[in-house]
Amino acid sequence: QVQLVESGGGLVQAGGSLRLSCAASGITLGNNAMGWYRQVPGKQREFVAGMDRGGFASYVNSVKGRFTISRENTKNTVFLQMNNLKPEDTAVYYCNTIPPKYWGQGTQVTVSS
C-alpha cells in the first residue's frame, strides 16, 4: 500500500519561507517522476513543481525562482523549499507521482500579508 505523508506546512508572513517534506512508503520515489500540487478551496488542484527520474525539475510560472523541488532517495523523501512566499501561495499542498496516483492528506500552507 502506497502512502505519501506531507509535512512542514504552517502559517508564515509574506516574504517568509517554508520547507515541505513528503515521506513515502510502499513506493520508491527515485523510480518515479514526483511532483508537488496545491489546492485552494473551490478551485481545481494545480501542479506546482515536478522532478523527473533524472533529476530535471520544472515549475509553474508563478513559483519559478521562489520554489525548489528536491529529492533524497536514501530517505525516500521529496522536498519543496518555498521562499519569498506570497498570500496567493496559500493552499493545501500535496505530493504525488506524475501523473498523480496516490493522494495523501496534504499540508496546509497559509501566508499572511
PDB file of N, CA and C in Angstrom:
ATOM      1  N   GLN A   1       0.846  -1.185   0.000  1.00  0.00           N
ATOM      2  CA  GLN A   1       0.000   0.000   0.000  1.00  0.00           C
ATOM      3  C   GLN A   1       0.887   1.244   0.000  1.00  0.00           C
ATOM      4  N   VAL A   2       0.613   2.125  -0.943  1.00  0.00           N
ATOM      5  CA  VAL A   2       1.408   3.340  -1.074  1.00  0.00           C
ATOM      6  C   VAL A   2       0.861   4.416  -0.139  1.00  0.00           C
ATOM      7  N   GLN A   3       1.777   5.033   0.597  1.00  0.00           N
ATOM      8  CA  GLN A   3       1.414   6.171   1.443  1.00  0.00           C
ATOM      9  C   GLN A   3       2.385   7.307   1.193  1.00  0.00           C
ATOM     10  N   LEU A   4       1.846   8.488   0.990  1.00  0.00           N
ATOM     11  CA  LEU A   4       2.630   9.708   0.869  1.00  0.00           C
ATOM     12  C   LEU A   4       2.173  10.640   1.979  1.00  0.00           C
ATOM     13  N   VAL A   5       3.092  11.007   2.855  1.00  0.00           N
ATOM     14  CA  VAL A   5       2.747  11.825   4.018  1.00  0.00           C
ATOM     15  C   VAL A   5       3.476  13.158   3.921  1.00  0.00           C
ATOM     16  N   GLU A   6       2.694  14.210   3.744  1.00  0.00           N
ATOM     17  CA  GLU A   6       3.249  15.551   3.642  1.00  0.00           C
ATOM     18  C   GLU A   6       3.332  16.211   5.020  1.00  0.00           C
ATOM     19  N   SER A   7       4.345  17.031   5.199  1.00  0.00           N
ATOM     20  CA  SER A   7       4.514  17.781   6.445  1.00  0.00           C
ATOM     21  C   SER A   7       5.288  19.057   6.171  1.00  0.00           C
ATOM     22  N   GLY A   8       5.313  19.928   7.171  1.00  0.00           N
ATOM     23  CA  GLY A   8       6.114  21.141   7.059  1.00  0.00           C
ATOM     24  C   GLY A   8       5.330  22.405   6.788  1.00  0.00           C
ATOM     25  N   GLY A   9       4.030  22.272   6.594  1.00  0.00           N
ATOM     26  CA  GLY A   9       3.228  23.456   6.363  1.00  0.00           C
ATOM     27  C   GLY A   9       3.062  24.274   7.632  1.00  0.00           C
ATOM     28  N   GLY A  10       2.431  25.419   7.489  1.00  0.00           N
ATOM     29  CA  GLY A  10       2.203  26.280   8.637  1.00  0.00           C
ATOM     30  C   GLY A  10       1.786  27.661   8.222  1.00  0.00           C
ATOM     31  N   LEU A  11       1.800  28.559   9.192  1.00  0.00           N
ATOM     32  CA  LEU A  11       1.441  29.955   8.962  1.00  0.00           C
ATOM     33  C   LEU A  11       2.720  30.775   8.917  1.00  0.00           C
ATOM     34  N   VAL A  12       2.857  31.568   7.882  1.00  0.00           N
ATOM     35  CA  VAL A  12       4.066  32.371   7.712  1.00  0.00           C
ATOM     36  C   VAL A  12       3.669  33.717   7.124  1.00  0.00           C
ATOM     37  N   GLN A  13       4.441  34.729   7.415  1.00  0.00           N
ATOM     38  CA  GLN A  13       4.185  36.050   6.833  1.00  0.00           C
ATOM     39  C   GLN A  13       4.716  36.111   5.404  1.00  0.00           C
ATOM     40  N   ALA A  14       4.139  36.986   4.644  1.00  0.00           N
ATOM     41  CA  ALA A  14       4.608  37.195   3.275  1.00  0.00           C
ATOM     42  C   ALA A  14       6.104  37.506   3.292  1.00  0.00           C
ATOM     43  N   GLY A  15       6.822  36.885   2.362  1.00  0.00           N
ATOM     44  CA  GLY A  15       8.264  37.024   2.309  1.00  0.00           C
ATOM     45  C   GLY A  15       9.010  35.946   3.061  1.00  0.00           C
ATOM     46  N   GLY A  16       8.286  35.165   3.837  1.00  0.00           N
ATOM     47  CA  GLY A  16       8.909  34.114   4.617  1.00  0.00           C
ATOM     48  C   GLY A  16       9.141  32.845   3.812  1.00  0.00           C
ATOM     49  N   SER A  17       9.630  31.813   4.513  1.00  0.00           N
ATOM     50  CA  SER A  17       9.981  30.553   3.867  1.00  0.00           C
ATOM     51  C   SER A  17       9.417  29.368   4.637  1.00  0.00           C
ATOM     52  N   LEU A  18       9.170  28.307   3.904  1.00  0.00           N
ATOM     53  CA  LEU A  18       8.796  27.022   4.491  1.00  0.00           C
ATOM     54  C   LEU A  18       9.444  25.922   3.661  1.00  0.00           C
ATOM     55  N   ARG A  19       9.683  24.805   4.314  1.00  0.00           N
ATOM     56  CA  ARG A  19      10.192  23.634   3.607  1.00  0.00           C
ATOM     57  C   ARG A  19       9.236  22.479   3.841  1.00  0.00           C
ATOM     58  N   LEU A  20       8.623  22.014   2.784  1.00  0.00           N
ATOM     59  CA  LEU A  20       7.698  20.896   2.868  1.00  0.00           C
ATOM     60  C   LEU A  20       8.444  19.593   2.623  1.00  0.00           C
ATOM     61  N   SER A  21       7.999  18.549   3.300  1.00  0.00           N
ATOM     62  CA  SER A  21       8.565  17.224   3.125  1.00  0.00           C
ATOM     63  C   SER A  21       7.459  16.249   2.749  1.00  0.00           C
ATOM     64  N   CYS A  22       7.842  15.239   2.002  1.00  0.00           N
ATOM     65  CA  CYS A  22       6.908  14.180   1.621  1.00  0.00           C
ATOM     66  C   CYS A  22       7.623  12.854   1.809  1.00  0.00           C
ATOM     67  N   ALA A  23       7.209  12.124   2.829  1.00  0.00           N
ATOM     68  CA  ALA A  23       7.801  10.824   3.120  1.00  0.00           C
ATOM     69  C   ALA A  23       6.940   9.738   2.502  1.00  0.00           C
ATOM     70  N   ALA A  24       7.597   8.805   1.829  1.00  0.00           N
ATOM     71  CA  ALA A  24       6.867   7.779   1.097  1.00  0.00           C
ATOM     72  C   ALA A  24       7.111   6.395   1.674  1.00  0.00           C
ATOM     73  N   SER A  25       6.091   5.585   1.579  1.00  0.00           N
ATOM     74  CA  SER A  25       6.219   4.161   1.884  1.00  0.00           C
ATOM     75  C   SER A  25       5.423   3.390   0.837  1.00  0.00           C
ATOM     76  N   GLY A  26       5.885   2.196   0.542  1.00  0.00           N
ATOM     77  CA  GLY A  26       5.202   1.386  -0.462  1.00  0.00           C
ATOM     78  C   GLY A  26       5.539   1.759  -1.889  1.00  0.00           C
ATOM     79  N   ILE A  27       6.438   2.702  -2.054  1.00  0.00           N
ATOM     80  CA  ILE A  27       6.841   3.159  -3.382  1.00  0.00           C
ATOM     81  C   ILE A  27       8.256   3.708  -3.281  1.00  0.00           C
ATOM     82  N   THR A  28       9.051   3.507  -4.303  1.00  0.00           N
ATOM     83  CA  THR A  28      10.409   4.045  -4.335  1.00  0.00           C
ATOM     84  C   THR A  28      10.377   5.332  -5.145  1.00  0.00           C
ATOM     85  N   LEU A  29      10.515   6.454  -4.445  1.00  0.00           N
ATOM     86  CA  LEU A  29      10.358   7.740  -5.110  1.00  0.00           C
ATOM     87  C   LEU A  29      11.375   7.933  -6.227  1.00  0.00           C
ATOM     88  N   GLY A  30      12.567   7.402  -6.045  1.00  0.00           N
ATOM     89  CA  GLY A  30      13.606   7.581  -7.057  1.00  0.00           C
ATOM     90  C   GLY A  30      13.279   6.921  -8.382  1.00  0.00           C
ATOM     91  N   ASN A  31      12.329   6.004  -8.381  1.00  0.00           N
ATOM     92  CA  ASN A  31      11.929   5.328  -9.610  1.00  0.00           C
ATOM     93  C   ASN A  31      10.746   5.998 -10.303  1.00  0.00           C
ATOM     94  N   ASN A  32      10.319   7.128  -9.744  1.00  0.00           N
ATOM     95  CA  ASN A  32       9.135   7.811 -10.263  1.00  0.00           C
ATOM     96  C   ASN A  32       9.397   9.293 -10.457  1.00  0.00           C
ATOM     97  N   ALA A  33       8.721   9.861 -11.452  1.00  0.00           N
ATOM     98  CA  ALA A  33       8.644  11.307 -11.513  1.00  0.00           C
ATOM     99  C   ALA A  33       7.718  11.752 -10.397  1.00  0.00           C
ATOM    100  N   MET A  34       8.151  12.745  -9.625  1.00  0.00           N
ATOM    101  CA  MET A  34       7.376  13.195  -8.472  1.00  0.00           C
ATOM    102  C   MET A  34       7.056  14.667  -8.598  1.00  0.00           C
ATOM    103  N   GLY A  35       5.930  15.039  -8.012  1.00  0.00           N
ATOM    104  CA  GLY A  35       5.521  16.428  -8.103  1.00  0.00           C
ATOM    105  C   GLY A  35       4.861  16.921  -6.833  1.00  0.00           C
ATOM    106  N   TRP A  36       4.789  18.233  -6.738  1.00  0.00           N
ATOM    107  CA  TRP A  36       4.011  18.900  -5.703  1.00  0.00           C
ATOM    108  C   TRP A  36       2.836  19.597  -6.378  1.00  0.00           C
ATOM    109  N   TYR A  37       1.690  19.489  -5.732  1.00  0.00           N
ATOM    110  CA  TYR A  37       0.463  20.083  -6.227  1.00  0.00           C
ATOM    111  C   TYR A  37      -0.138  20.903  -5.088  1.00  0.00           C
ATOM    112  N   ARG A  38      -1.038  21.812  -5.410  1.00  0.00           N
ATOM    113  CA  ARG A  38      -1.713  22.563  -4.357  1.00  0.00           C
ATOM    114  C   ARG A  38      -3.159  22.815  -4.748  1.00  0.00           C
ATOM    115  N   GLN A  39      -3.977  23.024  -3.714  1.00  0.00           N
ATOM    116  CA  GLN A  39      -5.401  23.260  -3.951  1.00  0.00           C
ATOM    117  C   GLN A  39      -5.930  24.290  -2.980  1.00  0.00           C
ATOM    118  N   VAL A  40      -6.663  25.231  -3.525  1.00  0.00           N
ATOM    119  CA  VAL A  40      -7.376  26.229  -2.758  1.00  0.00           C
ATOM    120  C   VAL A  40      -8.848  25.832  -2.762  1.00  0.00           C
ATOM    121  N   PRO A  41      -9.541  25.965  -1.641  1.00  0.00           N
ATOM    122  CA  PRO A  41     -10.964  25.595  -1.618  1.00  0.00           C
ATOM    123  C   PRO A  41     -11.745  26.259  -2.756  1.00  0.00           C
ATOM    124  N   GLY A  42     -12.515  25.446  -3.455  1.00  0.00           N
ATOM    125  CA  GLY A  42     -13.330  25.954  -4.541  1.00  0.00           C
ATOM    126  C   GLY A  42     -12.619  26.006  -5.877  1.00  0.00           C
ATOM    127  N   LYS A  43     -11.337  25.641  -5.895  1.00  0.00           N
ATOM    128  CA  LYS A  43     -10.578  25.671  -7.137  1.00  0.00           C
ATOM    129  C   LYS A  43      -9.992  24.291  -7.410  1.00  0.00           C
ATOM    130  N   GLN A  44      -9.622  24.087  -8.669  1.00  0.00           N
ATOM    131  CA  GLN A  44      -9.004  22.817  -9.030  1.00  0.00           C
ATOM    132  C   GLN A  44      -7.594  22.719  -8.475  1.00  0.00           C
ATOM    133  N   ARG A  45      -7.214  21.488  -8.192  1.00  0.00           N
ATOM    134  CA  ARG A  45      -5.844  21.236  -7.766  1.00  0.00           C
ATOM    135  C   ARG A  45      -4.909  21.562  -8.926  1.00  0.00           C
ATOM    136  N   GLU A  46      -3.790  22.223  -8.631  1.00  0.00           N
ATOM    137  CA  GLU A  46      -2.869  22.594  -9.688  1.00  0.00           C
ATOM    138  C   GLU A  46      -1.472  22.046  -9.432  1.00  0.00           C
ATOM    139  N   PHE A  47      -0.776  21.788 -10.510  1.00  0.00           N
ATOM    140  CA  PHE A  47       0.611  21.362 -10.447  1.00  0.00           C
ATOM    141  C   PHE A  47       1.481  22.555 -10.087  1.00  0.00           C
ATOM    142  N   VAL A  48       2.437  22.344  -9.183  1.00  0.00           N
ATOM    143  CA  VAL A  48       3.321  23.419  -8.746  1.00  0.00           C
ATOM    144  C   VAL A  48       4.762  23.176  -9.192  1.00  0.00           C
ATOM    145  N   ALA A  49       5.259  21.974  -8.926  1.00  0.00           N
ATOM    146  CA  ALA A  49       6.660  21.666  -9.234  1.00  0.00           C
ATOM    147  C   ALA A  49       6.798  20.166  -9.428  1.00  0.00           C
ATOM    148  N   GLY A  50       7.738  19.771 -10.263  1.00  0.00           N
ATOM    149  CA  GLY A  50       7.958  18.356 -10.507  1.00  0.00           C
ATOM    150  C   GLY A  50       9.413  18.051 -10.776  1.00  0.00           C
ATOM    151  N   MET A  51       9.762  16.805 -10.565  1.00  0.00           N
ATOM    152  CA  MET A  51      11.121  16.355 -10.860  1.00  0.00           C
ATOM    153  C   MET A  51      11.042  14.982 -11.503  1.00  0.00           C
ATOM    154  N   ASP A  52      11.682  14.811 -12.653  1.00  0.00           N
ATOM    155  CA  ASP A  52      11.644  13.506 -13.305  1.00  0.00           C
ATOM    156  C   ASP A  52      12.690  12.580 -12.693  1.00  0.00           C
ATOM    157  N   ARG A  53      12.758  11.371 -13.202  1.00  0.00           N
ATOM    158  CA  ARG A  53      13.655  10.380 -12.622  1.00  0.00           C
ATOM    159  C   ARG A  53      15.112  10.798 -12.750  1.00  0.00           C
ATOM    160  N   GLY A  54      15.403  11.591 -13.760  1.00  0.00           N
ATOM    161  CA  GLY A  54      16.790  12.038 -13.966  1.00  0.00           C
ATOM    162  C   GLY A  54      17.165  13.253 -13.157  1.00  0.00           C
ATOM    163  N   GLY A  55      16.209  13.812 -12.441  1.00  0.00           N
ATOM    164  CA  GLY A  55      16.500  14.979 -11.619  1.00  0.00           C
ATOM    165  C   GLY A  55      16.168  16.304 -12.257  1.00  0.00           C
ATOM    166  N   PHE A  56      15.592  16.281 -13.462  1.00  0.00           N
ATOM    167  CA  PHE A  56      15.212  17.533 -14.105  1.00  0.00           C
ATOM    168  C   PHE A  56      13.958  18.078 -13.445  1.00  0.00           C
ATOM    169  N   ALA A  57      14.017  19.364 -13.086  1.00  0.00           N
ATOM    170  CA  ALA A  57      12.898  19.996 -12.371  1.00  0.00           C
ATOM    171  C   ALA A  57      12.133  20.944 -13.274  1.00  0.00           C
ATOM    172  N   SER A  58      10.850  21.058 -13.008  1.00  0.00           N
ATOM    173  CA  SER A  58      10.001  22.004 -13.722  1.00  0.00           C
ATOM    174  C   SER A  58       9.051  22.662 -12.734  1.00  0.00           C
ATOM    175  N   TYR A  59       8.616  23.882 -13.061  1.00  0.00           N
ATOM    176  CA  TYR A  59       7.803  24.669 -12.148  1.00  0.00           C
ATOM    177  C   TYR A  59       6.711  25.417 -12.907  1.00  0.00           C
ATOM    178  N   VAL A  60       5.609  25.634 -12.220  1.00  0.00           N
ATOM    179  CA  VAL A  60       4.601  26.534 -12.771  1.00  0.00           C
ATOM    180  C   VAL A  60       5.185  27.944 -12.717  1.00  0.00           C
ATOM    181  N   ASN A  61       4.805  28.769 -13.672  1.00  0.00           N
ATOM    182  CA  ASN A  61       5.433  30.090 -13.792  1.00  0.00           C
ATOM    183  C   ASN A  61       5.342  30.913 -12.507  1.00  0.00           C
ATOM    184  N   SER A  62       4.242  30.784 -11.795  1.00  0.00           N
ATOM    185  CA  SER A  62       4.024  31.636 -10.628  1.00  0.00           C
ATOM    186  C   SER A  62       4.995  31.370  -9.482  1.00  0.00           C
ATOM    187  N   VAL A  63       5.696  30.232  -9.499  1.00  0.00           N
ATOM    188  CA  VAL A  63       6.622  29.915  -8.405  1.00  0.00           C
ATOM    189  C   VAL A  63       8.074  29.855  -8.858  1.00  0.00           C
ATOM    190  N   LYS A  64       8.322  30.015 -10.139  1.00  0.00           N
ATOM    191  CA  LYS A  64       9.693  29.958 -10.645  1.00  0.00           C
ATOM    192  C   LYS A  64      10.570  30.988  -9.954  1.00  0.00           C
ATOM    193  N   GLY A  65      11.750  30.552  -9.535  1.00  0.00           N
ATOM    194  CA  GLY A  65      12.667  31.438  -8.849  1.00  0.00           C
ATOM    195  C   GLY A  65      12.422  31.544  -7.354  1.00  0.00           C
ATOM    196  N   ARG A  66      11.295  30.992  -6.884  1.00  0.00           N
ATOM    197  CA  ARG A  66      10.981  31.058  -5.453  1.00  0.00           C
ATOM    198  C   ARG A  66      10.925  29.666  -4.816  1.00  0.00           C
ATOM    199  N   PHE A  67      10.457  28.678  -5.554  1.00  0.00           N
ATOM    200  CA  PHE A  67      10.314  27.316  -5.033  1.00  0.00           C
ATOM    201  C   PHE A  67      11.372  26.416  -5.657  1.00  0.00           C
ATOM    202  N   THR A  68      11.830  25.437  -4.867  1.00  0.00           N
ATOM    203  CA  THR A  68      12.791  24.457  -5.359  1.00  0.00           C
ATOM    204  C   THR A  68      12.376  23.070  -4.898  1.00  0.00           C
ATOM    205  N   ILE A  69      12.232  22.175  -5.851  1.00  0.00           N
ATOM    206  CA  ILE A  69      11.908  20.785  -5.529  1.00  0.00           C
ATOM    207  C   ILE A  69      13.214  19.994  -5.475  1.00  0.00           C
ATOM    208  N   SER A  70      13.287  19.071  -4.534  1.00  0.00           N
ATOM    209  CA  SER A  70      14.471  18.215  -4.437  1.00  0.00           C
ATOM    210  C   SER A  70      14.036  16.853  -3.916  1.00  0.00           C
ATOM    211  N   ARG A  71      14.946  15.931  -4.006  1.00  0.00           N
ATOM    212  CA  ARG A  71      14.603  14.561  -3.610  1.00  0.00           C
ATOM    213  C   ARG A  71      15.820  13.934  -2.941  1.00  0.00           C
ATOM    214  N   GLU A  72      15.594  13.233  -1.845  1.00  0.00           N
ATOM    215  CA  GLU A  72      16.655  12.496  -1.179  1.00  0.00           C
ATOM    216  C   GLU A  72      16.280  11.024  -1.227  1.00  0.00           C
ATOM    217  N   ASN A  73      16.855  10.321  -2.182  1.00  0.00           N
ATOM    218  CA  ASN A  73      16.444   8.941  -2.434  1.00  0.00           C
ATOM    219  C   ASN A  73      16.747   8.023  -1.252  1.00  0.00           C
ATOM    220  N   THR A  74      17.830   8.271  -0.537  1.00  0.00           N
ATOM    221  CA  THR A  74      18.186   7.395   0.596  1.00  0.00           C
ATOM    222  C   THR A  74      17.138   7.466   1.698  1.00  0.00           C
ATOM    223  N   LYS A  75      16.426   8.592   1.758  1.00  0.00           N
ATOM    224  CA  LYS A  75      15.368   8.751   2.761  1.00  0.00           C
ATOM    225  C   LYS A  75      13.977   8.578   2.155  1.00  0.00           C
ATOM    226  N   ASN A  76      13.948   8.304   0.843  1.00  0.00           N
ATOM    227  CA  ASN A  76      12.679   8.141   0.141  1.00  0.00           C
ATOM    228  C   ASN A  76      11.744   9.321   0.421  1.00  0.00           C
ATOM    229  N   THR A  77      12.310  10.504   0.289  1.00  0.00           N
ATOM    230  CA  THR A  77      11.593  11.734   0.645  1.00  0.00           C
ATOM    231  C   THR A  77      11.784  12.783  -0.450  1.00  0.00           C
ATOM    232  N   VAL A  78      10.726  13.529  -0.700  1.00  0.00           N
ATOM    233  CA  VAL A  78      10.751  14.652  -1.630  1.00  0.00           C
ATOM    234  C   VAL A  78      10.499  15.931  -0.833  1.00  0.00           C
ATOM    235  N   PHE A  79      11.167  16.990  -1.230  1.00  0.00           N
ATOM    236  CA  PHE A  79      11.055  18.260  -0.517  1.00  0.00           C
ATOM    237  C   PHE A  79      10.581  19.360  -1.466  1.00  0.00           C
ATOM    238  N   LEU A  80      10.017  20.389  -0.874  1.00  0.00           N
ATOM    239  CA  LEU A  80       9.710  21.606  -1.614  1.00  0.00           C
ATOM    240  C   LEU A  80      10.123  22.784  -0.749  1.00  0.00           C
ATOM    241  N   GLN A  81      11.203  23.437  -1.135  1.00  0.00           N
ATOM    242  CA  GLN A  81      11.660  24.636  -0.451  1.00  0.00           C
ATOM    243  C   GLN A  81      10.922  25.823  -1.052  1.00  0.00           C
ATOM    244  N   MET A  82      10.234  26.563  -0.211  1.00  0.00           N
ATOM    245  CA  MET A  82       9.428  27.687  -0.678  1.00  0.00           C
ATOM    246  C   MET A  82       9.944  28.965  -0.031  1.00  0.00           C
ATOM    247  N   ASN A  83      10.449  29.857  -0.843  1.00  0.00           N
ATOM    248  CA  ASN A  83      10.986  31.135  -0.373  1.00  0.00           C
ATOM    249  C   ASN A  83      10.145  32.283  -0.905  1.00  0.00           C
ATOM    250  N   ASN A  84      10.291  33.424  -0.262  1.00  0.00           N
ATOM    251  CA  ASN A  84       9.564  34.622  -0.681  1.00  0.00           C
ATOM    252  C   ASN A  84       8.079  34.312  -0.900  1.00  0.00           C
ATOM    253  N   LEU A  85       7.494  33.704   0.087  1.00  0.00           N
ATOM    254  CA  LEU A  85       6.103  33.287  -0.023  1.00  0.00           C
ATOM    255  C   LEU A  85       5.171  34.484  -0.149  1.00  0.00           C
ATOM    256  N   LYS A  86       4.097  34.279  -0.897  1.00  0.00           N
ATOM    257  CA  LYS A  86       3.103  35.314  -1.145  1.00  0.00           C
ATOM    258  C   LYS A  86       1.737  34.828  -0.657  1.00  0.00           C
ATOM    259  N   PRO A  87       0.837  35.739  -0.326  1.00  0.00           N
ATOM    260  CA  PRO A  87      -0.502  35.312   0.119  1.00  0.00           C
ATOM    261  C   PRO A  87      -1.188  34.386  -0.886  1.00  0.00           C
ATOM    262  N   GLU A  88      -0.927  34.567  -2.166  1.00  0.00           N
ATOM    263  CA  GLU A  88      -1.559  33.710  -3.172  1.00  0.00           C
ATOM    264  C   GLU A  88      -0.984  32.298  -3.194  1.00  0.00           C
ATOM    265  N   ASP A  89       0.058  32.037  -2.419  1.00  0.00           N
ATOM    266  CA  ASP A  89       0.572  30.670  -2.269  1.00  0.00           C
ATOM    267  C   ASP A  89      -0.210  29.880  -1.229  1.00  0.00           C
ATOM    268  N   THR A  90      -1.114  30.530  -0.525  1.00  0.00           N
ATOM    269  CA  THR A  90      -1.921  29.853   0.479  1.00  0.00           C
ATOM    270  C   THR A  90      -2.738  28.748  -0.161  1.00  0.00           C
ATOM    271  N   ALA A  91      -2.585  27.529   0.357  1.00  0.00           N
ATOM    272  CA  ALA A  91      -3.261  26.353  -0.211  1.00  0.00           C
ATOM    273  C   ALA A  91      -2.896  25.133   0.629  1.00  0.00           C
ATOM    274  N   VAL A  92      -3.565  24.039   0.329  1.00  0.00           N
ATOM    275  CA  VAL A  92      -3.132  22.741   0.836  1.00  0.00           C
ATOM    276  C   VAL A  92      -2.188  22.153  -0.219  1.00  0.00           C
ATOM    277  N   TYR A  93      -1.029  21.740   0.221  1.00  0.00           N
ATOM    278  CA  TYR A  93      -0.002  21.218  -0.682  1.00  0.00           C
ATOM    279  C   TYR A  93       0.078  19.707  -0.557  1.00  0.00           C
ATOM    280  N   TYR A  94       0.150  19.038  -1.694  1.00  0.00           N
ATOM    281  CA  TYR A  94       0.225  17.592  -1.780  1.00  0.00           C
ATOM    282  C   TYR A  94       1.431  17.191  -2.622  1.00  0.00           C
ATOM    283  N   CYS A  95       2.029  16.064  -2.267  1.00  0.00           N
ATOM    284  CA  CYS A  95       2.990  15.464  -3.183  1.00  0.00           C
ATOM    285  C   CYS A  95       2.329  14.251  -3.821  1.00  0.00           C
ATOM    286  N   ASN A  96       2.829  13.887  -4.990  1.00  0.00           N
ATOM    287  CA  ASN A  96       2.253  12.765  -5.709  1.00  0.00           C
ATOM    288  C   ASN A  96       3.188  12.408  -6.843  1.00  0.00           C
ATOM    289  N   THR A  97       2.906  11.304  -7.467  1.00  0.00           N
ATOM    290  CA  THR A  97       3.642  10.942  -8.671  1.00  0.00           C
ATOM    291  C   THR A  97       3.169  11.827  -9.827  1.00  0.00           C
ATOM    292  N   ILE A  98       3.902  11.774 -10.913  1.00  0.00           N
ATOM    293  CA  ILE A  98       3.482  12.436 -12.136  1.00  0.00           C
ATOM    294  C   ILE A  98       3.313  11.356 -13.190  1.00  0.00           C
ATOM    295  N   PRO A  99       2.106  11.090 -13.700  1.00  0.00           N
ATOM    296  CA  PRO A  99       0.828  11.686 -13.299  1.00  0.00           C
ATOM    297  C   PRO A  99       0.422  11.235 -11.900  1.00  0.00           C
ATOM    298  N   PRO A 100      -0.467  11.980 -11.264  1.00  0.00           N
ATOM    299  CA  PRO A 100      -0.824  11.687  -9.876  1.00  0.00           C
ATOM    300  C   PRO A 100      -1.648  10.415  -9.726  1.00  0.00           C
ATOM    301  N   LYS A 101      -1.257   9.617  -8.708  1.00  0.00           N
ATOM    302  CA  LYS A 101      -1.957   8.352  -8.474  1.00  0.00           C
ATOM    303  C   LYS A 101      -2.363   8.165  -7.022  1.00  0.00           C
ATOM    304  N   TYR A 102      -1.618   8.785  -6.093  1.00  0.00           N
ATOM    305  CA  TYR A 102      -1.791   8.485  -4.671  1.00  0.00           C
ATOM    306  C   TYR A 102      -1.926   9.776  -3.873  1.00  0.00           C
ATOM    307  N   TRP A 103      -3.139  10.213  -3.635  1.00  0.00           N
ATOM    308  CA  TRP A 103      -3.336  11.452  -2.879  1.00  0.00           C
ATOM    309  C   TRP A 103      -3.280  11.192  -1.383  1.00  0.00           C
ATOM    310  N   GLY A 104      -2.482  11.998  -0.687  1.00  0.00           N
ATOM    311  CA  GLY A 104      -2.412  11.948   0.765  1.00  0.00           C
ATOM    312  C   GLY A 104      -3.301  13.021   1.375  1.00  0.00           C
ATOM    313  N   GLN A 105      -3.024  13.354   2.619  1.00  0.00           N
ATOM    314  CA  GLN A 105      -3.831  14.353   3.333  1.00  0.00           C
ATOM    315  C   GLN A 105      -3.397  15.780   3.031  1.00  0.00           C
ATOM    316  N   GLY A 106      -2.180  15.937   2.567  1.00  0.00           N
ATOM    317  CA  GLY A 106      -1.678  17.270   2.285  1.00  0.00           C
ATOM    318  C   GLY A 106      -1.240  17.999   3.538  1.00  0.00           C
ATOM    319  N   THR A 107      -0.643  19.155   3.333  1.00  0.00           N
ATOM    320  CA  THR A 107      -0.220  20.001   4.437  1.00  0.00           C
ATOM    321  C   THR A 107      -0.620  21.441   4.117  1.00  0.00           C
ATOM    322  N   GLN A 108      -1.209  22.110   5.091  1.00  0.00           N
ATOM    323  CA  GLN A 108      -1.738  23.450   4.876  1.00  0.00           C
ATOM    324  C   GLN A 108      -0.623  24.491   4.952  1.00  0.00           C
ATOM    325  N   VAL A 109      -0.576  25.339   3.956  1.00  0.00           N
ATOM    326  CA  VAL A 109       0.328  26.492   3.956  1.00  0.00           C
ATOM    327  C   VAL A 109      -0.532  27.745   3.920  1.00  0.00           C
ATOM    328  N   THR A 110      -0.317  28.612   4.892  1.00  0.00           N
ATOM    329  CA  THR A 110      -1.053  29.869   4.954  1.00  0.00           C
ATOM    330  C   THR A 110      -0.067  31.018   5.032  1.00  0.00           C
ATOM    331  N   VAL A 111      -0.188  31.945   4.088  1.00  0.00           N
ATOM    332  CA  VAL A 111       0.716  33.088   4.033  1.00  0.00           C
ATOM    333  C   VAL A 111      -0.090  34.349   4.294  1.00  0.00           C
ATOM    334  N   SER A 112       0.275  35.036   5.359  1.00  0.00           N
ATOM    335  CA  SER A 112      -0.434  36.262   5.714  1.00  0.00           C
ATOM    336  C   SER A 112       0.256  37.475   5.100  1.00  0.00           C
ATOM    337  N   SER A 113      -0.547  38.471   4.789  1.00  0.00           N
ATOM    338  CA  SER A 113       0.005  39.682   4.154  1.00  0.00           C
ATOM    339  C   SER A 113       0.418  40.709   5.188  1.00  0.00           C
TER     340      SER A 113
END
